[in-house]
Protein backbone atom coordinates (compact mmCIF):
# COMPACT_ATOMS: atom_id res chain seq x y z
CA ASP A 1 8.27 -3.99 4.14
CA TYR A 2 8.74 -0.53 3.22
CA LYS A 3 11.08 -1.08 0.55
CA GLY A 4 8.91 -3.52 -1.24
CA GLN A 5 5.98 -1.06 -1.24
CA LYS A 6 8.10 1.70 -2.57
CA LEU A 7 9.32 -0.67 -5.47
CA ALA A 8 5.74 -1.83 -5.91
CA GLU A 9 4.56 2.10 -6.38
CA GLN A 10 7.50 2.73 -8.58
CA ILE A 11 6.66 -0.05 -10.88
CA PHE A 12 2.94 0.74 -10.86
CA GLN A 13 3.44 4.43 -11.73
CA GLY A 14 6.06 3.59 -14.29
CA ILE A 15 3.94 1.18 -16.25
CA ILE A 16 0.87 3.51 -16.28
CA LEU A 17 3.16 6.22 -17.21
CA VAL A 18 4.79 4.41 -20.23
CA SER A 19 1.30 2.91 -21.23
CA ALA A 20 -0.36 6.45 -21.14
CA VAL A 21 2.41 7.81 -23.41
CA ILE A 22 2.38 4.97 -25.80
CA GLY A 23 -1.56 4.92 -25.97
CA PHE A 24 -1.70 8.77 -26.55
CA ILE A 25 1.03 8.55 -29.41
CA TYR A 26 -0.57 5.49 -31.03
CA GLY A 27 -4.11 7.09 -30.74
CA TYR A 28 -2.90 10.51 -31.97
CA ILE A 29 -1.31 8.65 -35.10
CA THR A 30 -4.42 6.47 -35.76
CA GLU A 31 -6.80 9.26 -34.75
CA GLN A 32 -8.82 6.79 -32.56
CA PHE A 33 -9.11 7.71 -28.73
CA GLY A 34 -10.48 4.24 -28.28
CA TRP A 35 -7.02 2.78 -28.86
CA THR A 36 -5.54 5.10 -26.19
CA VAL A 37 -7.95 3.84 -23.60
CA TYR A 38 -7.48 0.43 -24.45
CA ILE A 39 -3.62 0.79 -24.18
CA VAL A 40 -3.84 2.61 -20.84
CA MET A 41 -6.28 -0.21 -19.53
CA ALA A 42 -3.80 -2.95 -20.60
CA GLY A 43 -1.11 -1.02 -18.77
CA PHE A 44 -3.26 -0.66 -15.58
CA ALA A 45 -4.05 -4.38 -15.77
CA LEU A 46 -0.47 -5.33 -16.25
CA SER A 47 0.80 -3.08 -13.24
CA CYS A 48 -2.09 -4.63 -11.01
CA LEU A 49 -0.94 -8.20 -12.08
CA LEU A 50 2.80 -7.14 -11.21
CA THR A 51 2.16 -5.20 -8.02
CA LEU A 52 -0.98 -6.43 -6.22
CA PRO A 53 -0.09 -10.21 -5.25
CA PRO A 54 2.74 -10.49 -2.63
CA TRP A 55 5.60 -11.41 -4.84
CA PRO A 56 8.84 -12.44 -3.11
CA MET A 57 10.67 -9.37 -4.74
CA TYR A 58 8.62 -7.14 -2.45
CA ARG A 59 9.35 -9.27 0.78
CA ARG A 60 13.14 -9.12 0.75
CA ASN A 61 13.24 -6.80 3.79
CA PRO A 62 11.02 -8.00 6.55
CA LEU A 63 10.16 -5.56 9.40
CA LYS A 64 11.57 -6.65 12.71
CA TRP A 65 9.05 -6.52 15.51
CA LEU A 66 9.51 -6.35 19.09
CA PRO A 67 9.43 -9.49 21.13
CA VAL A 68 5.96 -9.88 23.12
CA GLN A 69 6.42 -8.75 26.75
CA GLU A 70 4.50 -10.30 29.49
CA SER A 71 3.05 -7.52 32.00
CA GLY A 72 3.93 -8.49 35.57
CA THR A 73 0.83 -6.95 37.04
CA GLU A 74 -2.78 -7.91 36.80
CA GLU A 75 -5.33 -5.36 36.07
CA LYS A 76 -7.15 -4.15 39.12
CA LYS A 77 -10.53 -5.26 39.72
CA ALA A 78 -13.28 -2.35 39.66
CA GLY A 79 -13.80 -3.00 43.39
CA ASP A 80 -10.14 -2.50 44.40
CA ARG A 81 -9.66 0.93 42.83
CA LYS A 82 -10.19 3.91 45.01
CA PRO A 83 -12.60 6.61 43.43
CA LYS A 84 -10.87 9.84 42.38
CA ARG A 85 -11.91 12.84 44.13
CA HIS A 86 -12.34 16.12 42.11
CA ALA A 87 -11.31 19.32 43.44
CA LYS A 88 -14.01 21.76 44.30
CA SER A 89 -13.99 25.12 42.54
C-alpha cells in the first residue's frame, strides 16, 4: 500500500540522516573519519532491517483491486477478420 511505502521511506531517510549527523559529530570529535563511515553504515543496516521486510505496520491499508470481469466475446480467429483496405493517395 502507498501509505506503508511512504512510512518506510520516511523511516529510512530519518535513520540515515540521524546516523550521518551522529557519525559526523563523533568523527569530528575523535578526528577519525573511519568512525563516521562505520556509524553511517550501521544506520544504513538498521534502516534496511526495518524497512525492507514486509512488516505488518507497512500493510495496514491494502489496495482494493477491481474484480475480474469475464469478457463475453471470444477473440476472432485470424481467418474470420476482413482485411483492412487502405485509402489510395
